PDB file of N, CA and C in Angstrom:
ATOM      1  N   MET A   1     -39.596  41.481 -24.353  1.00  0.00           N
ATOM      2  CA  MET A   1     -39.449  41.667 -25.784  1.00  0.00           C
ATOM      3  C   MET A   1     -39.581  40.298 -26.460  1.00  0.00           C
ATOM      4  N   GLU A   2     -40.398  40.204 -27.466  1.00  0.00           N
ATOM      5  CA  GLU A   2     -40.644  38.960 -28.171  1.00  0.00           C
ATOM      6  C   GLU A   2     -39.698  38.834 -29.358  1.00  0.00           C
ATOM      7  N   SER A   3     -39.121  37.654 -29.498  1.00  0.00           N
ATOM      8  CA  SER A   3     -38.207  37.398 -30.600  1.00  0.00           C
ATOM      9  C   SER A   3     -38.949  36.693 -31.730  1.00  0.00           C
ATOM     10  N   ASN A   4     -38.765  37.169 -32.946  1.00  0.00           N
ATOM     11  CA  ASN A   4     -39.366  36.534 -34.114  1.00  0.00           C
ATOM     12  C   ASN A   4     -38.380  35.609 -34.806  1.00  0.00           C
ATOM     13  N   GLU A   5     -37.302  35.296 -34.114  1.00  0.00           N
ATOM     14  CA  GLU A   5     -36.281  34.443 -34.694  1.00  0.00           C
ATOM     15  C   GLU A   5     -36.839  33.043 -34.936  1.00  0.00           C
ATOM     16  N   LYS A   6     -36.574  32.514 -36.111  1.00  0.00           N
ATOM     17  CA  LYS A   6     -37.069  31.191 -36.461  1.00  0.00           C
ATOM     18  C   LYS A   6     -36.123  30.124 -35.922  1.00  0.00           C
ATOM     19  N   TYR A   7     -36.668  28.938 -35.784  1.00  0.00           N
ATOM     20  CA  TYR A   7     -35.884  27.808 -35.300  1.00  0.00           C
ATOM     21  C   TYR A   7     -35.323  27.012 -36.467  1.00  0.00           C
ATOM     22  N   MET A   8     -34.170  26.421 -36.235  1.00  0.00           N
ATOM     23  CA  MET A   8     -33.507  25.583 -37.228  1.00  0.00           C
ATOM     24  C   MET A   8     -33.581  24.132 -36.768  1.00  0.00           C
ATOM     25  N   ARG A   9     -33.663  23.222 -37.725  1.00  0.00           N
ATOM     26  CA  ARG A   9     -33.612  21.796 -37.423  1.00  0.00           C
ATOM     27  C   ARG A   9     -32.153  21.352 -37.366  1.00  0.00           C
ATOM     28  N   LEU A  10     -31.945  20.150 -36.857  1.00  0.00           N
ATOM     29  CA  LEU A  10     -30.593  19.617 -36.711  1.00  0.00           C
ATOM     30  C   LEU A  10     -29.852  19.581 -38.047  1.00  0.00           C
ATOM     31  N   ASN A  11     -30.521  19.147 -39.106  1.00  0.00           N
ATOM     32  CA  ASN A  11     -29.849  19.087 -40.414  1.00  0.00           C
ATOM     33  C   ASN A  11     -29.478  20.486 -40.919  1.00  0.00           C
ATOM     34  N   GLU A  12     -30.267  21.499 -40.565  1.00  0.00           N
ATOM     35  CA  GLU A  12     -29.942  22.871 -40.962  1.00  0.00           C
ATOM     36  C   GLU A  12     -28.736  23.397 -40.174  1.00  0.00           C
ATOM     37  N   VAL A  13     -28.650  23.006 -38.910  1.00  0.00           N
ATOM     38  CA  VAL A  13     -27.481  23.382 -38.104  1.00  0.00           C
ATOM     39  C   VAL A  13     -26.240  22.710 -38.673  1.00  0.00           C
ATOM     40  N   LYS A  14     -26.356  21.456 -39.064  1.00  0.00           N
ATOM     41  CA  LYS A  14     -25.227  20.735 -39.670  1.00  0.00           C
ATOM     42  C   LYS A  14     -24.768  21.436 -40.941  1.00  0.00           C
ATOM     43  N   ASP A  15     -25.689  21.819 -41.790  1.00  0.00           N
ATOM     44  CA  ASP A  15     -25.336  22.518 -43.029  1.00  0.00           C
ATOM     45  C   ASP A  15     -24.741  23.894 -42.732  1.00  0.00           C
ATOM     46  N   TYR A  16     -25.297  24.593 -41.772  1.00  0.00           N
ATOM     47  CA  TYR A  16     -24.847  25.944 -41.424  1.00  0.00           C
ATOM     48  C   TYR A  16     -23.436  25.927 -40.848  1.00  0.00           C
ATOM     49  N   THR A  17     -23.153  24.944 -39.987  1.00  0.00           N
ATOM     50  CA  THR A  17     -21.851  24.897 -39.317  1.00  0.00           C
ATOM     51  C   THR A  17     -20.819  24.074 -40.075  1.00  0.00           C
ATOM     52  N   THR A  18     -21.253  23.209 -40.955  1.00  0.00           N
ATOM     53  CA  THR A  18     -20.434  22.226 -41.674  1.00  0.00           C
ATOM     54  C   THR A  18     -19.772  21.240 -40.713  1.00  0.00           C
ATOM     55  N   LEU A  19     -20.337  21.087 -39.531  1.00  0.00           N
ATOM     56  CA  LEU A  19     -19.838  20.116 -38.558  1.00  0.00           C
ATOM     57  C   LEU A  19     -20.648  18.837 -38.659  1.00  0.00           C
ATOM     58  N   SER A  20     -20.103  17.758 -38.094  1.00  0.00           N
ATOM     59  CA  SER A  20     -20.791  16.470 -38.159  1.00  0.00           C
ATOM     60  C   SER A  20     -21.921  16.401 -37.136  1.00  0.00           C
ATOM     61  N   TYR A  21     -22.838  15.461 -37.379  1.00  0.00           N
ATOM     62  CA  TYR A  21     -23.912  15.227 -36.428  1.00  0.00           C
ATOM     63  C   TYR A  21     -23.346  14.822 -35.064  1.00  0.00           C
ATOM     64  N   ARG A  22     -22.264  14.055 -35.067  1.00  0.00           N
ATOM     65  CA  ARG A  22     -21.651  13.598 -33.827  1.00  0.00           C
ATOM     66  C   ARG A  22     -21.198  14.768 -32.971  1.00  0.00           C
ATOM     67  N   ILE A  23     -20.521  15.732 -33.565  1.00  0.00           N
ATOM     68  CA  ILE A  23     -20.043  16.904 -32.831  1.00  0.00           C
ATOM     69  C   ILE A  23     -21.221  17.716 -32.291  1.00  0.00           C
ATOM     70  N   ILE A  24     -22.224  17.919 -33.127  1.00  0.00           N
ATOM     71  CA  ILE A  24     -23.395  18.694 -32.708  1.00  0.00           C
ATOM     72  C   ILE A  24     -24.135  17.974 -31.580  1.00  0.00           C
ATOM     73  N   ASN A  25     -24.340  16.672 -31.724  1.00  0.00           N
ATOM     74  CA  ASN A  25     -25.038  15.911 -30.681  1.00  0.00           C
ATOM     75  C   ASN A  25     -24.255  15.889 -29.370  1.00  0.00           C
ATOM     76  N   ASN A  26     -22.931  15.795 -29.446  1.00  0.00           N
ATOM     77  CA  ASN A  26     -22.117  15.849 -28.232  1.00  0.00           C
ATOM     78  C   ASN A  26     -22.260  17.200 -27.539  1.00  0.00           C
ATOM     79  N   ALA A  27     -22.326  18.265 -28.318  1.00  0.00           N
ATOM     80  CA  ALA A  27     -22.497  19.610 -27.742  1.00  0.00           C
ATOM     81  C   ALA A  27     -23.873  19.755 -27.090  1.00  0.00           C
ATOM     82  N   ILE A  28     -24.886  19.135 -27.675  1.00  0.00           N
ATOM     83  CA  ILE A  28     -26.224  19.166 -27.089  1.00  0.00           C
ATOM     84  C   ILE A  28     -26.213  18.412 -25.757  1.00  0.00           C
ATOM     85  N   LYS A  29     -25.653  17.198 -25.769  1.00  0.00           N
ATOM     86  CA  LYS A  29     -25.636  16.361 -24.566  1.00  0.00           C
ATOM     87  C   LYS A  29     -24.842  17.000 -23.435  1.00  0.00           C
ATOM     88  N   SER A  30     -23.757  17.686 -23.771  1.00  0.00           N
ATOM     89  CA  SER A  30     -22.918  18.303 -22.743  1.00  0.00           C
ATOM     90  C   SER A  30     -23.495  19.632 -22.246  1.00  0.00           C
ATOM     91  N   GLY A  31     -24.506  20.141 -22.956  1.00  0.00           N
ATOM     92  CA  GLY A  31     -25.115  21.406 -22.566  1.00  0.00           C
ATOM     93  C   GLY A  31     -24.420  22.619 -23.156  1.00  0.00           C
ATOM     94  N   GLU A  32     -23.418  22.409 -23.998  1.00  0.00           N
ATOM     95  CA  GLU A  32     -22.706  23.522 -24.633  1.00  0.00           C
ATOM     96  C   GLU A  32     -23.570  24.221 -25.675  1.00  0.00           C
ATOM     97  N   LEU A  33     -24.386  23.441 -26.376  1.00  0.00           N
ATOM     98  CA  LEU A  33     -25.250  23.986 -27.428  1.00  0.00           C
ATOM     99  C   LEU A  33     -26.690  23.933 -26.948  1.00  0.00           C
ATOM    100  N   LYS A  34     -27.290  25.084 -26.805  1.00  0.00           N
ATOM    101  CA  LYS A  34     -28.664  25.180 -26.328  1.00  0.00           C
ATOM    102  C   LYS A  34     -29.621  24.730 -27.433  1.00  0.00           C
ATOM    103  N   SER A  35     -30.625  23.962 -27.025  1.00  0.00           N
ATOM    104  CA  SER A  35     -31.652  23.525 -27.969  1.00  0.00           C
ATOM    105  C   SER A  35     -32.949  23.320 -27.204  1.00  0.00           C
ATOM    106  N   THR A  36     -34.007  23.198 -27.949  1.00  0.00           N
ATOM    107  CA  THR A  36     -35.294  22.837 -27.361  1.00  0.00           C
ATOM    108  C   THR A  36     -35.776  21.599 -28.101  1.00  0.00           C
ATOM    109  N   PHE A  37     -36.466  20.742 -27.396  1.00  0.00           N
ATOM    110  CA  PHE A  37     -36.940  19.491 -27.982  1.00  0.00           C
ATOM    111  C   PHE A  37     -38.453  19.567 -28.080  1.00  0.00           C
ATOM    112  N   ILE A  38     -38.964  19.609 -29.289  1.00  0.00           N
ATOM    113  CA  ILE A  38     -40.403  19.704 -29.526  1.00  0.00           C
ATOM    114  C   ILE A  38     -40.815  18.537 -30.422  1.00  0.00           C
ATOM    115  N   GLY A  39     -41.797  17.791 -29.963  1.00  0.00           N
ATOM    116  CA  GLY A  39     -42.208  16.619 -30.723  1.00  0.00           C
ATOM    117  C   GLY A  39     -41.102  15.589 -30.692  1.00  0.00           C
ATOM    118  N   ASN A  40     -40.583  15.258 -31.835  1.00  0.00           N
ATOM    119  CA  ASN A  40     -39.494  14.287 -31.904  1.00  0.00           C
ATOM    120  C   ASN A  40     -38.218  14.893 -32.490  1.00  0.00           C
ATOM    121  N   ARG A  41     -38.052  16.214 -32.355  1.00  0.00           N
ATOM    122  CA  ARG A  41     -36.857  16.827 -32.946  1.00  0.00           C
ATOM    123  C   ARG A  41     -36.303  17.955 -32.083  1.00  0.00           C
ATOM    124  N   HIS A  42     -34.986  18.100 -32.184  1.00  0.00           N
ATOM    125  CA  HIS A  42     -34.306  19.224 -31.554  1.00  0.00           C
ATOM    126  C   HIS A  42     -34.459  20.439 -32.465  1.00  0.00           C
ATOM    127  N   LEU A  43     -34.683  21.598 -31.862  1.00  0.00           N
ATOM    128  CA  LEU A  43     -34.747  22.849 -32.602  1.00  0.00           C
ATOM    129  C   LEU A  43     -33.779  23.838 -31.975  1.00  0.00           C
ATOM    130  N   PHE A  44     -33.203  24.706 -32.815  1.00  0.00           N
ATOM    131  CA  PHE A  44     -32.160  25.630 -32.397  1.00  0.00           C
ATOM    132  C   PHE A  44     -32.442  27.012 -32.954  1.00  0.00           C
ATOM    133  N   LYS A  45     -32.202  28.035 -32.145  1.00  0.00           N
ATOM    134  CA  LYS A  45     -32.227  29.398 -32.657  1.00  0.00           C
ATOM    135  C   LYS A  45     -30.846  29.700 -33.232  1.00  0.00           C
ATOM    136  N   LEU A  46     -30.813  30.499 -34.270  1.00  0.00           N
ATOM    137  CA  LEU A  46     -29.552  30.854 -34.909  1.00  0.00           C
ATOM    138  C   LEU A  46     -28.598  31.500 -33.903  1.00  0.00           C
ATOM    139  N   THR A  47     -29.107  32.331 -33.012  1.00  0.00           N
ATOM    140  CA  THR A  47     -28.240  32.976 -32.017  1.00  0.00           C
ATOM    141  C   THR A  47     -27.609  31.950 -31.084  1.00  0.00           C
ATOM    142  N   TRP A  48     -28.338  30.876 -30.749  1.00  0.00           N
ATOM    143  CA  TRP A  48     -27.765  29.824 -29.905  1.00  0.00           C
ATOM    144  C   TRP A  48     -26.605  29.148 -30.620  1.00  0.00           C
ATOM    145  N   VAL A  49     -26.781  28.870 -31.898  1.00  0.00           N
ATOM    146  CA  VAL A  49     -25.733  28.217 -32.683  1.00  0.00           C
ATOM    147  C   VAL A  49     -24.532  29.148 -32.825  1.00  0.00           C
ATOM    148  N   ASP A  50     -24.784  30.405 -33.144  1.00  0.00           N
ATOM    149  CA  ASP A  50     -23.691  31.371 -33.287  1.00  0.00           C
ATOM    150  C   ASP A  50     -22.927  31.553 -31.979  1.00  0.00           C
ATOM    151  N   ASN A  51     -23.634  31.610 -30.855  1.00  0.00           N
ATOM    152  CA  ASN A  51     -22.968  31.739 -29.552  1.00  0.00           C
ATOM    153  C   ASN A  51     -22.099  30.531 -29.253  1.00  0.00           C
ATOM    154  N   TRP A  52     -22.596  29.346 -29.574  1.00  0.00           N
ATOM    155  CA  TRP A  52     -21.824  28.115 -29.365  1.00  0.00           C
ATOM    156  C   TRP A  52     -20.567  28.115 -30.233  1.00  0.00           C
ATOM    157  N   LEU A  53     -20.718  28.484 -31.487  1.00  0.00           N
ATOM    158  CA  LEU A  53     -19.554  28.548 -32.378  1.00  0.00           C
ATOM    159  C   LEU A  53     -18.547  29.574 -31.888  1.00  0.00           C
ATOM    160  N   GLU A  54     -19.023  30.725 -31.469  1.00  0.00           N
ATOM    161  CA  GLU A  54     -18.138  31.784 -30.986  1.00  0.00           C
ATOM    162  C   GLU A  54     -17.385  31.348 -29.736  1.00  0.00           C
ATOM    163  N   SER A  55     -18.055  30.686 -28.821  1.00  0.00           N
ATOM    164  CA  SER A  55     -17.386  30.258 -27.589  1.00  0.00           C
ATOM    165  C   SER A  55     -16.314  29.218 -27.888  1.00  0.00           C
ATOM    166  N   ASN A  56     -16.548  28.374 -28.876  1.00  0.00           N
ATOM    167  CA  ASN A  56     -15.537  27.381 -29.245  1.00  0.00           C
ATOM    168  C   ASN A  56     -14.428  27.993 -30.074  1.00  0.00           C
ATOM    169  N   THR A  57     -14.723  29.032 -30.820  1.00  0.00           N
ATOM    170  CA  THR A  57     -13.694  29.719 -31.601  1.00  0.00           C
ATOM    171  C   THR A  57     -12.711  30.411 -30.671  1.00  0.00           C
ATOM    172  N   LYS A  58     -13.213  31.029 -29.610  1.00  0.00           N
ATOM    173  CA  LYS A  58     -12.346  31.701 -28.650  1.00  0.00           C
ATOM    174  C   LYS A  58     -11.372  30.724 -28.008  1.00  0.00           C
ATOM    175  N   GLN A  59     -11.812  29.501 -27.733  1.00  0.00           N
ATOM    176  CA  GLN A  59     -10.948  28.511 -27.118  1.00  0.00           C
ATOM    177  C   GLN A  59      -9.812  28.127 -28.040  1.00  0.00           C
ATOM    178  N   THR A  60     -10.079  28.007 -29.328  1.00  0.00           N
ATOM    179  CA  THR A  60      -9.041  27.576 -30.250  1.00  0.00           C
ATOM    180  C   THR A  60      -8.085  28.712 -30.614  1.00  0.00           C
ATOM    181  N   LYS A  61      -8.507  29.951 -30.457  1.00  0.00           N
ATOM    182  CA  LYS A  61      -7.626  31.077 -30.790  1.00  0.00           C
ATOM    183  C   LYS A  61      -6.365  31.080 -29.927  1.00  0.00           C
ATOM    184  N   LYS A  62      -6.462  30.618 -28.669  1.00  0.00           N
ATOM    185  CA  LYS A  62      -5.297  30.651 -27.805  1.00  0.00           C
ATOM    186  C   LYS A  62      -4.216  29.683 -28.275  1.00  0.00           C
ATOM    187  N   TRP A  63      -4.579  28.683 -29.095  1.00  0.00           N
ATOM    188  CA  TRP A  63      -3.600  27.759 -29.647  1.00  0.00           C
ATOM    189  C   TRP A  63      -3.165  28.174 -31.063  1.00  0.00           C
ATOM    190  N   GLY A  64      -3.731  29.238 -31.576  1.00  0.00           N
ATOM    191  CA  GLY A  64      -3.347  29.725 -32.889  1.00  0.00           C
ATOM    192  C   GLY A  64      -3.974  28.984 -34.058  1.00  0.00           C
ATOM    193  N   TRP A  65      -5.092  28.305 -33.836  1.00  0.00           N
ATOM    194  CA  TRP A  65      -5.757  27.587 -34.931  1.00  0.00           C
ATOM    195  C   TRP A  65      -6.645  28.495 -35.692  1.00  0.00           C
TER     196      TRP A  65
END
């Protein structure tokens, strides 16, 4: 099945998540946030970003945040 989902740039992920570039870049480097590198930029599918946010939200729920 082919996905027609568009890719987001790093600045769009920052705006979408309201997180800092540092946090996003750390997640990329650690492998927590899936991305693809094309040309000179990282690209992200919205589902990858949402999955990353959801997995981190579940971790914080156990502390009541």
